[in-house]
PDB file of all heavy atoms in Angstrom:
ATOM      1  N   ASN A   1      14.260  27.061   0.311  1.00  0.00           N
ATOM      2  CA  ASN A   1      14.727  27.205  -1.083  1.00  0.00           C
ATOM      3  C   ASN A   1      15.013  25.841  -1.708  1.00  0.00           C
ATOM      4  O   ASN A   1      16.011  25.661  -2.428  1.00  0.00           O
ATOM      5  CB  ASN A   1      15.991  28.067  -1.158  1.00  0.00           C
ATOM      6  CG  ASN A   1      15.688  29.547  -0.999  1.00  0.00           C
ATOM      7  OD1 ASN A   1      14.567  29.929  -0.675  1.00  0.00           O
ATOM      8  ND2 ASN A   1      16.684  30.373  -1.225  1.00  0.00           N
ATOM      9  N   THR A   2      14.149  24.888  -1.450  1.00  0.00           N
ATOM     10  CA  THR A   2      14.398  23.504  -1.871  1.00  0.00           C
ATOM     11  C   THR A   2      13.235  22.977  -2.697  1.00  0.00           C
ATOM     12  O   THR A   2      12.068  23.202  -2.373  1.00  0.00           O
ATOM     13  CB  THR A   2      14.613  22.606  -0.646  1.00  0.00           C
ATOM     14  OG1 THR A   2      15.734  23.104   0.100  1.00  0.00           O
ATOM     15  CG2 THR A   2      14.897  21.169  -1.060  1.00  0.00           C
ATOM     16  N   ILE A   3      13.600  22.256  -3.751  1.00  0.00           N
ATOM     17  CA  ILE A   3      12.643  21.549  -4.594  1.00  0.00           C
ATOM     18  C   ILE A   3      12.862  20.051  -4.381  1.00  0.00           C
ATOM     19  O   ILE A   3      14.007  19.590  -4.379  1.00  0.00           O
ATOM     20  CB  ILE A   3      12.865  21.867  -6.086  1.00  0.00           C
ATOM     21  CG1 ILE A   3      12.819  23.371  -6.338  1.00  0.00           C
ATOM     22  CG2 ILE A   3      11.839  21.145  -6.954  1.00  0.00           C
ATOM     23  CD1 ILE A   3      11.479  23.997  -6.194  1.00  0.00           C
ATOM     24  N   TYR A   4      11.792  19.315  -4.211  1.00  0.00           N
ATOM     25  CA  TYR A   4      11.881  17.871  -3.997  1.00  0.00           C
ATOM     26  C   TYR A   4      11.296  17.120  -5.186  1.00  0.00           C
ATOM     27  O   TYR A   4      10.405  17.621  -5.881  1.00  0.00           O
ATOM     28  CB  TYR A   4      11.124  17.468  -2.744  1.00  0.00           C
ATOM     29  CG  TYR A   4      11.629  18.116  -1.484  1.00  0.00           C
ATOM     30  CD1 TYR A   4      10.954  19.190  -0.899  1.00  0.00           C
ATOM     31  CD2 TYR A   4      12.791  17.656  -0.867  1.00  0.00           C
ATOM     32  CE1 TYR A   4      11.416  19.785   0.254  1.00  0.00           C
ATOM     33  CE2 TYR A   4      13.265  18.255   0.287  1.00  0.00           C
ATOM     34  CZ  TYR A   4      12.578  19.323   0.840  1.00  0.00           C
ATOM     35  OH  TYR A   4      13.049  19.912   1.977  1.00  0.00           O
ATOM     36  N   LEU A   5      11.796  15.909  -5.385  1.00  0.00           N
ATOM     37  CA  LEU A   5      11.180  14.998  -6.346  1.00  0.00           C
ATOM     38  C   LEU A   5      10.986  13.666  -5.633  1.00  0.00           C
ATOM     39  O   LEU A   5      11.960  12.951  -5.374  1.00  0.00           O
ATOM     40  CB  LEU A   5      12.029  14.819  -7.592  1.00  0.00           C
ATOM     41  CG  LEU A   5      11.363  13.993  -8.694  1.00  0.00           C
ATOM     42  CD1 LEU A   5      10.163  14.732  -9.290  1.00  0.00           C
ATOM     43  CD2 LEU A   5      12.362  13.634  -9.800  1.00  0.00           C
ATOM     44  N   GLN A   6       9.756  13.378  -5.276  1.00  0.00           N
ATOM     45  CA  GLN A   6       9.422  12.090  -4.678  1.00  0.00           C
ATOM     46  C   GLN A   6       9.166  11.108  -5.804  1.00  0.00           C
ATOM     47  O   GLN A   6       8.273  11.331  -6.636  1.00  0.00           O
ATOM     48  CB  GLN A   6       8.181  12.214  -3.794  1.00  0.00           C
ATOM     49  CG  GLN A   6       7.723  10.914  -3.178  1.00  0.00           C
ATOM     50  CD  GLN A   6       8.705  10.357  -2.172  1.00  0.00           C
ATOM     51  OE1 GLN A   6       9.254  11.095  -1.364  1.00  0.00           O
ATOM     52  NE2 GLN A   6       8.952   9.051  -2.227  1.00  0.00           N
ATOM     53  N   MET A   7       9.936  10.035  -5.832  1.00  0.00           N
ATOM     54  CA  MET A   7       9.847   9.049  -6.910  1.00  0.00           C
ATOM     55  C   MET A   7       9.398   7.727  -6.313  1.00  0.00           C
ATOM     56  O   MET A   7      10.108   7.133  -5.503  1.00  0.00           O
ATOM     57  CB  MET A   7      11.204   8.898  -7.602  1.00  0.00           C
ATOM     58  CG  MET A   7      11.777  10.215  -8.096  1.00  0.00           C
ATOM     59  SD  MET A   7      13.295   9.992  -9.055  1.00  0.00           S
ATOM     60  CE  MET A   7      14.383   9.342  -7.800  1.00  0.00           C
ATOM     61  N   ASN A   8       8.222   7.290  -6.702  1.00  0.00           N
ATOM     62  CA  ASN A   8       7.662   6.020  -6.232  1.00  0.00           C
ATOM     63  C   ASN A   8       7.584   5.027  -7.382  1.00  0.00           C
ATOM     64  O   ASN A   8       7.652   5.417  -8.553  1.00  0.00           O
ATOM     65  CB  ASN A   8       6.274   6.245  -5.650  1.00  0.00           C
ATOM     66  CG  ASN A   8       6.283   7.164  -4.443  1.00  0.00           C
ATOM     67  OD1 ASN A   8       7.254   7.214  -3.686  1.00  0.00           O
ATOM     68  ND2 ASN A   8       5.193   7.887  -4.244  1.00  0.00           N
ATOM     69  N   SER A   9       7.435   3.772  -7.025  1.00  0.00           N
ATOM     70  CA  SER A   9       7.287   2.703  -8.037  1.00  0.00           C
ATOM     71  C   SER A   9       8.369   2.808  -9.110  1.00  0.00           C
ATOM     72  O   SER A   9       8.090   2.771 -10.309  1.00  0.00           O
ATOM     73  CB  SER A   9       5.897   2.770  -8.682  1.00  0.00           C
ATOM     74  OG  SER A   9       4.894   2.668  -7.697  1.00  0.00           O
ATOM     75  N   LEU A  10       9.594   2.928  -8.654  1.00  0.00           N
ATOM     76  CA  LEU A  10      10.700   3.127  -9.596  1.00  0.00           C
ATOM     77  C   LEU A  10      10.889   1.918 -10.501  1.00  0.00           C
ATOM     78  O   LEU A  10      10.677   0.767 -10.092  1.00  0.00           O
ATOM     79  CB  LEU A  10      11.985   3.439  -8.830  1.00  0.00           C
ATOM     80  CG  LEU A  10      12.068   4.894  -8.333  1.00  0.00           C
ATOM     81  CD1 LEU A  10      13.093   5.021  -7.218  1.00  0.00           C
ATOM     82  CD2 LEU A  10      12.391   5.827  -9.481  1.00  0.00           C
ATOM     83  N   LYS A  11      11.292   2.217 -11.732  1.00  0.00           N
ATOM     84  CA  LYS A  11      11.507   1.200 -12.760  1.00  0.00           C
ATOM     85  C   LYS A  11      12.960   1.264 -13.244  1.00  0.00           C
ATOM     86  O   LYS A  11      13.596   2.323 -13.147  1.00  0.00           O
ATOM     87  CB  LYS A  11      10.580   1.466 -13.942  1.00  0.00           C
ATOM     88  CG  LYS A  11       9.107   1.542 -13.605  1.00  0.00           C
ATOM     89  CD  LYS A  11       8.289   1.911 -14.834  1.00  0.00           C
ATOM     90  CE  LYS A  11       6.814   2.005 -14.529  1.00  0.00           C
ATOM     91  NZ  LYS A  11       6.018   2.348 -15.730  1.00  0.00           N
ATOM     92  N   PRO A  12      13.467   0.177 -13.789  1.00  0.00           N
ATOM     93  CA  PRO A  12      14.840   0.226 -14.322  1.00  0.00           C
ATOM     94  C   PRO A  12      15.046   1.349 -15.332  1.00  0.00           C
ATOM     95  O   PRO A  12      16.128   1.940 -15.388  1.00  0.00           O
ATOM     96  CB  PRO A  12      14.998  -1.149 -14.964  1.00  0.00           C
ATOM     97  CG  PRO A  12      14.100  -2.042 -14.161  1.00  0.00           C
ATOM     98  CD  PRO A  12      12.910  -1.188 -13.831  1.00  0.00           C
ATOM     99  N   GLU A  13      14.020   1.684 -16.088  1.00  0.00           N
ATOM    100  CA  GLU A  13      14.167   2.755 -17.082  1.00  0.00           C
ATOM    101  C   GLU A  13      14.229   4.145 -16.472  1.00  0.00           C
ATOM    102  O   GLU A  13      14.455   5.127 -17.180  1.00  0.00           O
ATOM    103  CB  GLU A  13      13.030   2.693 -18.119  1.00  0.00           C
ATOM    104  CG  GLU A  13      11.637   2.623 -17.533  1.00  0.00           C
ATOM    105  CD  GLU A  13      11.122   1.187 -17.451  1.00  0.00           C
ATOM    106  OE1 GLU A  13      11.885   0.266 -17.055  1.00  0.00           O
ATOM    107  OE2 GLU A  13       9.916   0.995 -17.764  1.00  0.00           O
ATOM    108  N   ASP A  14      14.049   4.244 -15.165  1.00  0.00           N
ATOM    109  CA  ASP A  14      14.243   5.519 -14.471  1.00  0.00           C
ATOM    110  C   ASP A  14      15.713   5.759 -14.136  1.00  0.00           C
ATOM    111  O   ASP A  14      16.068   6.841 -13.646  1.00  0.00           O
ATOM    112  CB  ASP A  14      13.426   5.566 -13.183  1.00  0.00           C
ATOM    113  CG  ASP A  14      11.930   5.529 -13.429  1.00  0.00           C
ATOM    114  OD1 ASP A  14      11.463   6.217 -14.357  1.00  0.00           O
ATOM    115  OD2 ASP A  14      11.230   4.808 -12.686  1.00  0.00           O
ATOM    116  N   THR A  15      16.549   4.777 -14.375  1.00  0.00           N
ATOM    117  CA  THR A  15      17.977   4.920 -14.098  1.00  0.00           C
ATOM    118  C   THR A  15      18.565   6.046 -14.934  1.00  0.00           C
ATOM    119  O   THR A  15      18.438   6.067 -16.161  1.00  0.00           O
ATOM    120  CB  THR A  15      18.703   3.603 -14.404  1.00  0.00           C
ATOM    121  OG1 THR A  15      18.242   2.598 -13.500  1.00  0.00           O
ATOM    122  CG2 THR A  15      20.215   3.770 -14.260  1.00  0.00           C
ATOM    123  N   ALA A  16      19.200   7.003 -14.260  1.00  0.00           N
ATOM    124  CA  ALA A  16      19.747   8.187 -14.929  1.00  0.00           C
ATOM    125  C   ALA A  16      20.442   9.054 -13.896  1.00  0.00           C
ATOM    126  O   ALA A  16      20.305   8.830 -12.688  1.00  0.00           O
ATOM    127  CB  ALA A  16      18.632   8.985 -15.605  1.00  0.00           C
ATOM    128  N   VAL A  17      21.153  10.068 -14.383  1.00  0.00           N
ATOM    129  CA  VAL A  17      21.605  11.153 -13.513  1.00  0.00           C
ATOM    130  C   VAL A  17      20.507  12.212 -13.531  1.00  0.00           C
ATOM    131  O   VAL A  17      20.051  12.619 -14.599  1.00  0.00           O
ATOM    132  CB  VAL A  17      22.938  11.750 -13.990  1.00  0.00           C
ATOM    133  CG1 VAL A  17      23.363  12.882 -13.062  1.00  0.00           C
ATOM    134  CG2 VAL A  17      24.017  10.669 -14.031  1.00  0.00           C
ATOM    135  N   TYR A  18      20.092  12.615 -12.351  1.00  0.00           N
ATOM    136  CA  TYR A  18      19.014  13.586 -12.212  1.00  0.00           C
ATOM    137  C   TYR A  18      19.593  14.954 -11.848  1.00  0.00           C
ATOM    138  O   TYR A  18      20.454  15.066 -10.964  1.00  0.00           O
ATOM    139  CB  TYR A  18      18.022  13.127 -11.150  1.00  0.00           C
ATOM    140  CG  TYR A  18      17.117  12.019 -11.640  1.00  0.00           C
ATOM    141  CD1 TYR A  18      17.598  10.728 -11.836  1.00  0.00           C
ATOM    142  CD2 TYR A  18      15.771  12.259 -11.913  1.00  0.00           C
ATOM    143  CE1 TYR A  18      16.786   9.710 -12.306  1.00  0.00           C
ATOM    144  CE2 TYR A  18      14.933  11.249 -12.372  1.00  0.00           C
ATOM    145  CZ  TYR A  18      15.447   9.982 -12.569  1.00  0.00           C
ATOM    146  OH  TYR A  18      14.630   8.978 -13.027  1.00  0.00           O
ATOM    147  N   TYR A  19      19.096  15.971 -12.532  1.00  0.00           N
ATOM    148  CA  TYR A  19      19.538  17.345 -12.338  1.00  0.00           C
ATOM    149  C   TYR A  19      18.324  18.236 -12.092  1.00  0.00           C
ATOM    150  O   TYR A  19      17.221  17.943 -12.541  1.00  0.00           O
ATOM    151  CB  TYR A  19      20.233  17.885 -13.592  1.00  0.00           C
ATOM    152  CG  TYR A  19      21.400  17.090 -14.099  1.00  0.00           C
ATOM    153  CD1 TYR A  19      21.213  16.011 -14.956  1.00  0.00           C
ATOM    154  CD2 TYR A  19      22.702  17.432 -13.752  1.00  0.00           C
ATOM    155  CE1 TYR A  19      22.280  15.291 -15.451  1.00  0.00           C
ATOM    156  CE2 TYR A  19      23.791  16.722 -14.241  1.00  0.00           C
ATOM    157  CZ  TYR A  19      23.573  15.654 -15.080  1.00  0.00           C
ATOM    158  OH  TYR A  19      24.647  14.948 -15.576  1.00  0.00           O
ATOM    159  N   CYS A  20      18.562  19.365 -11.437  1.00  0.00           N
ATOM    160  CA  CYS A  20      17.525  20.391 -11.392  1.00  0.00           C
ATOM    161  C   CYS A  20      18.066  21.648 -12.062  1.00  0.00           C
ATOM    162  O   CYS A  20      19.270  21.890 -12.092  1.00  0.00           O
ATOM    163  CB  CYS A  20      17.072  20.677  -9.964  1.00  0.00           C
ATOM    164  SG  CYS A  20      18.372  21.213  -8.847  1.00  0.00           S
ATOM    165  N   ASN A  21      17.153  22.425 -12.593  1.00  0.00           N
ATOM    166  CA  ASN A  21      17.514  23.671 -13.261  1.00  0.00           C
ATOM    167  C   ASN A  21      16.236  24.429 -13.548  1.00  0.00           C
ATOM    168  O   ASN A  21      15.125  23.922 -13.320  1.00  0.00           O
ATOM    169  CB  ASN A  21      18.269  23.401 -14.568  1.00  0.00           C
ATOM    170  CG  ASN A  21      19.205  24.529 -14.953  1.00  0.00           C
ATOM    171  OD1 ASN A  21      18.858  25.699 -14.839  1.00  0.00           O
ATOM    172  ND2 ASN A  21      20.407  24.178 -15.385  1.00  0.00           N
ATOM    173  N   THR A  22      16.377  25.642 -14.023  1.00  0.00           N
ATOM    174  CA  THR A  22      15.190  26.386 -14.433  1.00  0.00           C
ATOM    175  C   THR A  22      14.511  25.621 -15.574  1.00  0.00           C
ATOM    176  O   THR A  22      15.161  24.890 -16.317  1.00  0.00           O
ATOM    177  CB  THR A  22      15.561  27.794 -14.903  1.00  0.00           C
ATOM    178  OG1 THR A  22      16.439  27.701 -16.024  1.00  0.00           O
ATOM    179  CG2 THR A  22      16.236  28.580 -13.788  1.00  0.00           C
ATOM    180  N   ALA A  23      13.234  25.783 -15.657  1.00  0.00           N
ATOM    181  CA  ALA A  23      12.471  25.031 -16.673  1.00  0.00           C
ATOM    182  C   ALA A  23      11.497  25.961 -17.379  1.00  0.00           C
ATOM    183  O   ALA A  23      10.829  26.757 -16.716  1.00  0.00           O
ATOM    184  CB  ALA A  23      11.731  23.866 -16.021  1.00  0.00           C
ATOM    185  N   PRO A  24      11.410  25.852 -18.692  1.00  0.00           N
ATOM    186  CA  PRO A  24      12.022  24.797 -19.501  1.00  0.00           C
ATOM    187  C   PRO A  24      13.395  25.141 -20.079  1.00  0.00           C
ATOM    188  O   PRO A  24      13.970  24.330 -20.805  1.00  0.00           O
ATOM    189  CB  PRO A  24      11.015  24.652 -20.647  1.00  0.00           C
ATOM    190  CG  PRO A  24      10.531  26.049 -20.853  1.00  0.00           C
ATOM    191  CD  PRO A  24      10.443  26.650 -19.481  1.00  0.00           C
ATOM    192  N   SER A  25      13.951  26.309 -19.750  1.00  0.00           N
ATOM    193  CA  SER A  25      15.146  26.745 -20.476  1.00  0.00           C
ATOM    194  C   SER A  25      16.448  26.134 -19.970  1.00  0.00           C
ATOM    195  O   SER A  25      17.409  26.027 -20.718  1.00  0.00           O
ATOM    196  CB  SER A  25      15.266  28.266 -20.420  1.00  0.00           C
ATOM    197  OG  SER A  25      15.387  28.681 -19.068  1.00  0.00           O
TER     198      SER A  25
END
């Protein structure tokens, strides 16, 4: 029951708090 987000080549503009939720609502 897990969703992953693999983030490569990270940039300073990727700085944020990341959340998961139903999409798009």
